[in-house]
């Protein structure tokens, strides 16, 4: 990929248009850059190790309480692993809505509410925090996935990192299901069975493993 083509694609790229960002990312990969360099070129900031650990684990195969956004995740998947995807997924409207509310936010995941009465949460980075070397997580309340209604006008800090937030979410879910499974009224339709509890524990263990791996790489 010649420099003139990359420059043209960079000029045309906009976070509001996933396709333009994907074209730029593919051109950067074709020019010899790796995922870390591609994200730095696309967003003007270095991304934390947790992003590359999660991508390396396989976004589509992770059984977590999280719907992954298109950006930055798809742009971090190199061509030899099938990325970046040509067409954005269902969160594209939500991502653009968050961007219109606060251009400094970069949506990462939408976490479903623990109960039908609660709100989902959109977890984001802030680009200025990333530029300062901090993977701080910020949250917005939203309508249930895949709807794009955002309840809050301003994001609030909700964790030191995305994996810290996911750890708390999965800890709470594993604890909630375990406690509910032990209640005397937990019988019949809608009850929590042993398989659900075990699946929640397995997901928590997966998040713990991802945290350990990210911390090890960060320290290394």
C-alpha atoms as a PDB file:
ATOM      1  CA  UNK A   1       0.000   0.000   0.000  1.00  0.00           C
ATOM      2  CA  UNK A   2       1.602   3.269  -1.106  1.00  0.00           C
ATOM      3  CA  UNK A   3       1.777   6.272   1.269  1.00  0.00           C
ATOM      4  CA  UNK A   4      -0.471   8.395  -0.943  1.00  0.00           C
ATOM      5  CA  UNK A   5      -3.319   5.886  -0.706  1.00  0.00           C
ATOM      6  CA  UNK A   6      -2.940   5.623   3.072  1.00  0.00           C
ATOM      7  CA  UNK A   7      -2.952   9.420   3.366  1.00  0.00           C
ATOM      8  CA  UNK A   8      -6.108   9.644   1.258  1.00  0.00           C
ATOM      9  CA  UNK A   9      -7.889   7.019   3.352  1.00  0.00           C
ATOM     10  CA  UNK A  10      -6.765   8.723   6.564  1.00  0.00           C
ATOM     11  CA  UNK A  11      -8.203  12.013   5.349  1.00  0.00           C
ATOM     12  CA  UNK A  12     -11.528  10.329   4.496  1.00  0.00           C
ATOM     13  CA  UNK A  13     -11.784   8.286   7.703  1.00  0.00           C
ATOM     14  CA  UNK A  14     -14.389   9.279  10.286  1.00  0.00           C
ATOM     15  CA  UNK A  15     -15.376   7.525  13.498  1.00  0.00           C
ATOM     16  CA  UNK A  16     -18.991   8.194  12.517  1.00  0.00           C
ATOM     17  CA  UNK A  17     -18.503   5.954   9.458  1.00  0.00           C
ATOM     18  CA  UNK A  18     -17.306   2.459  10.353  1.00  0.00           C
ATOM     19  CA  UNK A  19     -16.630   1.515   6.728  1.00  0.00           C
ATOM     20  CA  UNK A  20     -14.172   4.405   6.306  1.00  0.00           C
ATOM     21  CA  UNK A  21     -12.321   3.394   9.487  1.00  0.00           C
ATOM     22  CA  UNK A  22     -12.175  -0.229   8.349  1.00  0.00           C
ATOM     23  CA  UNK A  23     -10.739   0.805   4.963  1.00  0.00           C
ATOM     24  CA  UNK A  24      -8.049   2.830   6.714  1.00  0.00           C
ATOM     25  CA  UNK A  25      -7.228  -0.039   9.073  1.00  0.00           C
ATOM     26  CA  UNK A  26      -6.911  -2.509   6.208  1.00  0.00           C
ATOM     27  CA  UNK A  27      -4.599  -0.126   4.350  1.00  0.00           C
ATOM     28  CA  UNK A  28      -2.450   0.268   7.463  1.00  0.00           C
ATOM     29  CA  UNK A  29      -2.213  -3.507   7.830  1.00  0.00           C
ATOM     30  CA  UNK A  30      -1.277  -3.764   4.156  1.00  0.00           C
ATOM     31  CA  UNK A  31       1.516  -1.242   4.772  1.00  0.00           C
ATOM     32  CA  UNK A  32       3.031  -3.596   7.349  1.00  0.00           C
ATOM     33  CA  UNK A  33       1.672  -2.306  10.653  1.00  0.00           C
ATOM     34  CA  UNK A  34       0.402  -4.554  13.447  1.00  0.00           C
ATOM     35  CA  UNK A  35      -2.779  -4.159  15.545  1.00  0.00           C
ATOM     36  CA  UNK A  36      -1.221  -1.837  18.144  1.00  0.00           C
ATOM     37  CA  UNK A  37       0.139   0.508  15.501  1.00  0.00           C
ATOM     38  CA  UNK A  38      -3.099   0.400  13.517  1.00  0.00           C
ATOM     39  CA  UNK A  39      -5.191   1.468  16.514  1.00  0.00           C
ATOM     40  CA  UNK A  40      -2.691   4.199  17.360  1.00  0.00           C
ATOM     41  CA  UNK A  41      -2.906   5.543  13.803  1.00  0.00           C
ATOM     42  CA  UNK A  42      -6.713   5.334  13.743  1.00  0.00           C
ATOM     43  CA  UNK A  43      -7.408   6.912  17.149  1.00  0.00           C
ATOM     44  CA  UNK A  44      -4.292   8.871  18.014  1.00  0.00           C
ATOM     45  CA  UNK A  45      -3.660   6.967  21.234  1.00  0.00           C
ATOM     46  CA  UNK A  46      -2.003   3.825  22.504  1.00  0.00           C
ATOM     47  CA  UNK A  47      -4.447   1.158  23.658  1.00  0.00           C
ATOM     48  CA  UNK A  48      -3.971  -0.971  26.794  1.00  0.00           C
ATOM     49  CA  UNK A  49      -2.966  -4.616  26.718  1.00  0.00           C
ATOM     50  CA  UNK A  50      -6.471  -5.722  27.714  1.00  0.00           C
ATOM     51  CA  UNK A  51      -7.713  -4.845  24.212  1.00  0.00           C
ATOM     52  CA  UNK A  52      -5.206  -7.111  22.497  1.00  0.00           C
ATOM     53  CA  UNK A  53      -5.661  -9.909  25.036  1.00  0.00           C
ATOM     54  CA  UNK A  54      -9.425  -9.871  24.417  1.00  0.00           C
ATOM     55  CA  UNK A  55      -9.007  -9.786  20.637  1.00  0.00           C
ATOM     56  CA  UNK A  56      -6.459 -12.593  20.833  1.00  0.00           C
ATOM     57  CA  UNK A  57      -8.925 -14.729  22.782  1.00  0.00           C
ATOM     58  CA  UNK A  58     -11.429 -14.444  19.915  1.00  0.00           C
ATOM     59  CA  UNK A  59     -14.243 -11.914  20.129  1.00  0.00           C
ATOM     60  CA  UNK A  60     -16.872 -14.202  18.621  1.00  0.00           C
ATOM     61  CA  UNK A  61     -16.037 -17.101  20.929  1.00  0.00           C
ATOM     62  CA  UNK A  62     -16.003 -15.251  24.259  1.00  0.00           C
ATOM     63  CA  UNK A  63     -19.015 -16.258  26.340  1.00  0.00           C
ATOM     64  CA  UNK A  64     -19.303 -13.085  28.385  1.00  0.00           C
ATOM     65  CA  UNK A  65     -22.009 -10.702  29.539  1.00  0.00           C
ATOM     66  CA  UNK A  66     -20.977  -8.171  26.911  1.00  0.00           C
ATOM     67  CA  UNK A  67     -21.877  -7.199  23.363  1.00  0.00           C
ATOM     68  CA  UNK A  68     -18.719  -5.905  21.701  1.00  0.00           C
ATOM     69  CA  UNK A  69     -18.764  -2.662  19.731  1.00  0.00           C
ATOM     70  CA  UNK A  70     -17.438  -2.489  16.166  1.00  0.00           C
ATOM     71  CA  UNK A  71     -14.796   0.102  17.021  1.00  0.00           C
ATOM     72  CA  UNK A  72     -12.107  -0.380  18.112  1.00  0.00           C
ATOM     73  CA  UNK A  73     -12.478  -4.177  18.225  1.00  0.00           C
ATOM     74  CA  UNK A  74     -12.900  -4.997  14.544  1.00  0.00           C
ATOM     75  CA  UNK A  75     -10.053  -2.673  13.613  1.00  0.00           C
ATOM     76  CA  UNK A  76      -7.775  -4.597  15.995  1.00  0.00           C
ATOM     77  CA  UNK A  77      -8.395  -7.892  14.170  1.00  0.00           C
ATOM     78  CA  UNK A  78      -5.627  -8.317  11.543  1.00  0.00           C
ATOM     79  CA  UNK A  79      -6.414  -9.608   8.041  1.00  0.00           C
ATOM     80  CA  UNK A  80      -4.874 -13.030   8.714  1.00  0.00           C
ATOM     81  CA  UNK A  81      -7.544 -13.494  11.381  1.00  0.00           C
ATOM     82  CA  UNK A  82     -10.358 -12.324   9.123  1.00  0.00           C
ATOM     83  CA  UNK A  83     -10.551  -8.654  10.036  1.00  0.00           C
ATOM     84  CA  UNK A  84     -11.426  -5.902   9.918  1.00  0.00           C
ATOM     85  CA  UNK A  85     -15.029  -6.864   9.130  1.00  0.00           C
ATOM     86  CA  UNK A  86     -16.518  -5.148   6.070  1.00  0.00           C
ATOM     87  CA  UNK A  87     -19.940  -4.522   7.621  1.00  0.00           C
ATOM     88  CA  UNK A  88     -20.566  -3.265  11.177  1.00  0.00           C
ATOM     89  CA  UNK A  89     -22.684  -5.204  13.647  1.00  0.00           C
ATOM     90  CA  UNK A  90     -25.849  -4.139  15.505  1.00  0.00           C
ATOM     91  CA  UNK A  91     -24.098  -1.716  17.864  1.00  0.00           C
ATOM     92  CA  UNK A  92     -23.191   0.688  15.060  1.00  0.00           C
ATOM     93  CA  UNK A  93     -26.152   2.996  15.754  1.00  0.00           C
ATOM     94  CA  UNK A  94     -25.357   3.009  19.472  1.00  0.00           C
ATOM     95  CA  UNK A  95     -21.720   3.847  18.821  1.00  0.00           C
ATOM     96  CA  UNK A  96     -22.645   6.785  16.625  1.00  0.00           C
ATOM     97  CA  UNK A  97     -25.180   8.021  19.183  1.00  0.00           C
ATOM     98  CA  UNK A  98     -22.582   7.960  21.960  1.00  0.00           C
ATOM     99  CA  UNK A  99     -20.132   9.764  19.693  1.00  0.00           C
ATOM    100  CA  UNK A 100     -22.712  12.477  19.019  1.00  0.00           C
ATOM    101  CA  UNK A 101     -23.204  12.918  22.781  1.00  0.00           C
ATOM    102  CA  UNK A 102     -19.495  13.070  23.563  1.00  0.00           C
ATOM    103  CA  UNK A 103     -16.838  12.789  20.812  1.00  0.00           C
ATOM    104  CA  UNK A 104     -14.241  11.968  23.471  1.00  0.00           C
ATOM    105  CA  UNK A 105     -15.884   8.645  24.287  1.00  0.00           C
ATOM    106  CA  UNK A 106     -15.021   5.376  22.568  1.00  0.00           C
ATOM    107  CA  UNK A 107     -17.734   2.746  23.235  1.00  0.00           C
ATOM    108  CA  UNK A 108     -16.355  -0.726  23.952  1.00  0.00           C
ATOM    109  CA  UNK A 109     -19.156  -3.025  25.096  1.00  0.00           C
ATOM    110  CA  UNK A 110     -22.816  -3.000  26.020  1.00  0.00           C
ATOM    111  CA  UNK A 111     -23.476  -4.971  29.211  1.00  0.00           C
ATOM    112  CA  UNK A 112     -27.003  -6.358  29.638  1.00  0.00           C
ATOM    113  CA  UNK A 113     -28.948  -5.551  32.790  1.00  0.00           C
ATOM    114  CA  UNK A 114     -29.058  -8.246  35.473  1.00  0.00           C
ATOM    115  CA  UNK A 115     -32.865  -8.024  35.546  1.00  0.00           C
ATOM    116  CA  UNK A 116     -35.550  -6.994  33.080  1.00  0.00           C
ATOM    117  CA  UNK A 117     -36.294  -3.915  35.203  1.00  0.00           C
ATOM    118  CA  UNK A 118     -32.744  -2.558  34.939  1.00  0.00           C
ATOM    119  CA  UNK A 119     -30.814  -0.673  32.273  1.00  0.00           C
ATOM    120  CA  UNK A 120     -28.003  -1.947  30.111  1.00  0.00           C
ATOM    121  CA  UNK A 121     -24.658  -0.163  30.444  1.00  0.00           C
ATOM    122  CA  UNK A 122     -22.336   1.002  27.694  1.00  0.00           C
ATOM    123  CA  UNK A 123     -18.706   0.901  28.815  1.00  0.00           C
ATOM    124  CA  UNK A 124     -16.325   3.315  27.101  1.00  0.00           C
ATOM    125  CA  UNK A 125     -12.769   4.583  27.083  1.00  0.00           C
ATOM    126  CA  UNK A 126     -11.988   8.278  26.820  1.00  0.00           C
ATOM    127  CA  UNK A 127      -9.398   9.159  24.198  1.00  0.00           C
ATOM    128  CA  UNK A 128      -7.732  11.751  26.442  1.00  0.00           C
ATOM    129  CA  UNK A 129      -7.373   9.135  29.184  1.00  0.00           C
ATOM    130  CA  UNK A 130      -5.807   6.703  26.721  1.00  0.00           C
ATOM    131  CA  UNK A 131      -3.356   9.369  25.610  1.00  0.00           C
ATOM    132  CA  UNK A 132      -2.377   9.796  29.255  1.00  0.00           C
ATOM    133  CA  UNK A 133      -1.772   6.053  29.547  1.00  0.00           C
ATOM    134  CA  UNK A 134      -4.903   5.333  31.582  1.00  0.00           C
ATOM    135  CA  UNK A 135      -7.443   2.646  30.478  1.00  0.00           C
ATOM    136  CA  UNK A 136     -10.141   4.166  32.711  1.00  0.00           C
ATOM    137  CA  UNK A 137     -13.661   2.895  32.019  1.00  0.00           C
ATOM    138  CA  UNK A 138     -16.703   5.185  31.816  1.00  0.00           C
ATOM    139  CA  UNK A 139     -20.339   4.083  31.730  1.00  0.00           C
ATOM    140  CA  UNK A 140     -23.617   5.282  30.269  1.00  0.00           C
ATOM    141  CA  UNK A 141     -27.000   3.717  31.024  1.00  0.00           C
ATOM    142  CA  UNK A 142     -28.892   2.614  27.943  1.00  0.00           C
ATOM    143  CA  UNK A 143     -31.948   0.791  26.707  1.00  0.00           C
ATOM    144  CA  UNK A 144     -31.655  -2.969  26.345  1.00  0.00           C
ATOM    145  CA  UNK A 145     -29.513  -4.277  23.472  1.00  0.00           C
ATOM    146  CA  UNK A 146     -29.826  -3.771  20.516  1.00  0.00           C
ATOM    147  CA  UNK A 147     -31.707  -0.483  20.975  1.00  0.00           C
ATOM    148  CA  UNK A 148     -29.688   2.722  20.824  1.00  0.00           C
ATOM    149  CA  UNK A 149     -31.462   4.906  23.390  1.00  0.00           C
ATOM    150  CA  UNK A 150     -28.988   6.316  25.920  1.00  0.00           C
ATOM    151  CA  UNK A 151     -30.396   7.322  29.313  1.00  0.00           C
ATOM    152  CA  UNK A 152     -27.550   9.575  30.465  1.00  0.00           C
ATOM    153  CA  UNK A 153     -26.281  12.817  29.013  1.00  0.00           C
ATOM    154  CA  UNK A 154     -22.861  12.324  30.594  1.00  0.00           C
ATOM    155  CA  UNK A 155     -20.731   9.242  31.206  1.00  0.00           C
ATOM    156  CA  UNK A 156     -19.468   8.495  34.715  1.00  0.00           C
ATOM    157  CA  UNK A 157     -16.307   6.710  35.745  1.00  0.00           C
ATOM    158  CA  UNK A 158     -17.064   3.059  36.546  1.00  0.00           C
ATOM    159  CA  UNK A 159     -13.691   1.303  36.779  1.00  0.00           C
ATOM    160  CA  UNK A 160      -9.946   1.402  36.311  1.00  0.00           C
ATOM    161  CA  UNK A 161     -10.253  -0.681  33.130  1.00  0.00           C
ATOM    162  CA  UNK A 162     -12.723  -2.597  30.988  1.00  0.00           C
ATOM    163  CA  UNK A 163     -11.646  -5.943  32.452  1.00  0.00           C
ATOM    164  CA  UNK A 164     -12.112  -4.585  35.978  1.00  0.00           C
ATOM    165  CA  UNK A 165     -15.693  -3.652  35.078  1.00  0.00           C
ATOM    166  CA  UNK A 166     -16.301  -7.054  33.475  1.00  0.00           C
ATOM    167  CA  UNK A 167     -14.872  -8.761  36.542  1.00  0.00           C
ATOM    168  CA  UNK A 168     -17.334  -6.954  38.827  1.00  0.00           C
ATOM    169  CA  UNK A 169     -20.240  -7.708  36.500  1.00  0.00           C
ATOM    170  CA  UNK A 170     -19.439 -11.414  36.316  1.00  0.00           C
ATOM    171  CA  UNK A 171     -18.713 -11.660  40.040  1.00  0.00           C
ATOM    172  CA  UNK A 172     -22.121 -10.165  40.792  1.00  0.00           C
ATOM    173  CA  UNK A 173     -23.839 -12.446  38.289  1.00  0.00           C
ATOM    174  CA  UNK A 174     -22.179 -15.610  39.631  1.00  0.00           C
ATOM    175  CA  UNK A 175     -23.049 -14.629  43.201  1.00  0.00           C
ATOM    176  CA  UNK A 176     -26.631 -13.706  42.305  1.00  0.00           C
ATOM    177  CA  UNK A 177     -27.314 -16.957  40.471  1.00  0.00           C
ATOM    178  CA  UNK A 178     -25.679 -19.053  43.185  1.00  0.00           C
ATOM    179  CA  UNK A 179     -27.765 -17.401  45.899  1.00  0.00           C
ATOM    180  CA  UNK A 180     -30.968 -17.684  43.885  1.00  0.00           C
ATOM    181  CA  UNK A 181     -30.344 -21.366  43.142  1.00  0.00           C
ATOM    182  CA  UNK A 182     -30.236 -22.066  46.879  1.00  0.00           C
ATOM    183  CA  UNK A 183     -33.587 -20.452  47.688  1.00  0.00           C
ATOM    184  CA  UNK A 184     -36.494 -22.765  48.588  1.00  0.00           C
ATOM    185  CA  UNK A 185     -38.751 -21.126  45.995  1.00  0.00           C
ATOM    186  CA  UNK A 186     -36.276 -21.777  43.160  1.00  0.00           C
ATOM    187  CA  UNK A 187     -38.390 -24.427  41.448  1.00  0.00           C
ATOM    188  CA  UNK A 188     -40.224 -24.920  38.186  1.00  0.00           C
ATOM    189  CA  UNK A 189     -40.321 -22.598  35.189  1.00  0.00           C
ATOM    190  CA  UNK A 190     -37.891 -19.709  35.340  1.00  0.00           C
ATOM    191  CA  UNK A 191     -35.830 -21.234  38.129  1.00  0.00           C
ATOM    192  CA  UNK A 192     -32.030 -21.141  38.167  1.00  0.00           C
ATOM    193  CA  UNK A 193     -30.479 -24.547  37.549  1.00  0.00           C
ATOM    194  CA  UNK A 194     -27.019 -25.912  38.283  1.00  0.00           C
ATOM    195  CA  UNK A 195     -25.871 -25.473  34.673  1.00  0.00           C
ATOM    196  CA  UNK A 196     -26.552 -21.725  34.792  1.00  0.00           C
ATOM    197  CA  UNK A 197     -24.533 -21.359  37.974  1.00  0.00           C
ATOM    198  CA  UNK A 198     -21.641 -23.317  36.500  1.00  0.00           C
ATOM    199  CA  UNK A 199     -21.719 -21.265  33.299  1.00  0.00           C
ATOM    200  CA  UNK A 200     -21.609 -18.038  35.324  1.00  0.00           C
ATOM    201  CA  UNK A 201     -18.607 -19.329  37.251  1.00  0.00           C
ATOM    202  CA  UNK A 202     -16.861 -20.353  34.022  1.00  0.00           C
ATOM    203  CA  UNK A 203     -17.388 -16.871  32.561  1.00  0.00           C
ATOM    204  CA  UNK A 204     -15.986 -15.313  35.748  1.00  0.00           C
ATOM    205  CA  UNK A 205     -12.929 -17.567  35.526  1.00  0.00           C
ATOM    206  CA  UNK A 206     -12.451 -16.501  31.907  1.00  0.00           C
ATOM    207  CA  UNK A 207     -12.455 -12.820  32.883  1.00  0.00           C
ATOM    208  CA  UNK A 208      -9.981 -13.569  35.677  1.00  0.00           C
ATOM    209  CA  UNK A 209      -7.713 -15.319  33.172  1.00  0.00           C
ATOM    210  CA  UNK A 210      -7.904 -12.384  30.755  1.00  0.00           C
ATOM    211  CA  UNK A 211      -7.067  -9.962  33.586  1.00  0.00           C
ATOM    212  CA  UNK A 212      -4.035 -11.992  34.615  1.00  0.00           C
ATOM    213  CA  UNK A 213      -2.789 -12.192  31.049  1.00  0.00           C
ATOM    214  CA  UNK A 214      -3.262  -8.461  30.439  1.00  0.00           C
ATOM    215  CA  UNK A 215      -1.532  -7.581  33.721  1.00  0.00           C
ATOM    216  CA  UNK A 216       1.374  -9.881  32.897  1.00  0.00           C
ATOM    217  CA  UNK A 217       1.881  -8.306  29.479  1.00  0.00           C
ATOM    218  CA  UNK A 218       1.557  -4.787  30.878  1.00  0.00           C
ATOM    219  CA  UNK A 219       4.232  -5.490  33.489  1.00  0.00           C
ATOM    220  CA  UNK A 220       6.440  -7.215  30.939  1.00  0.00           C
END
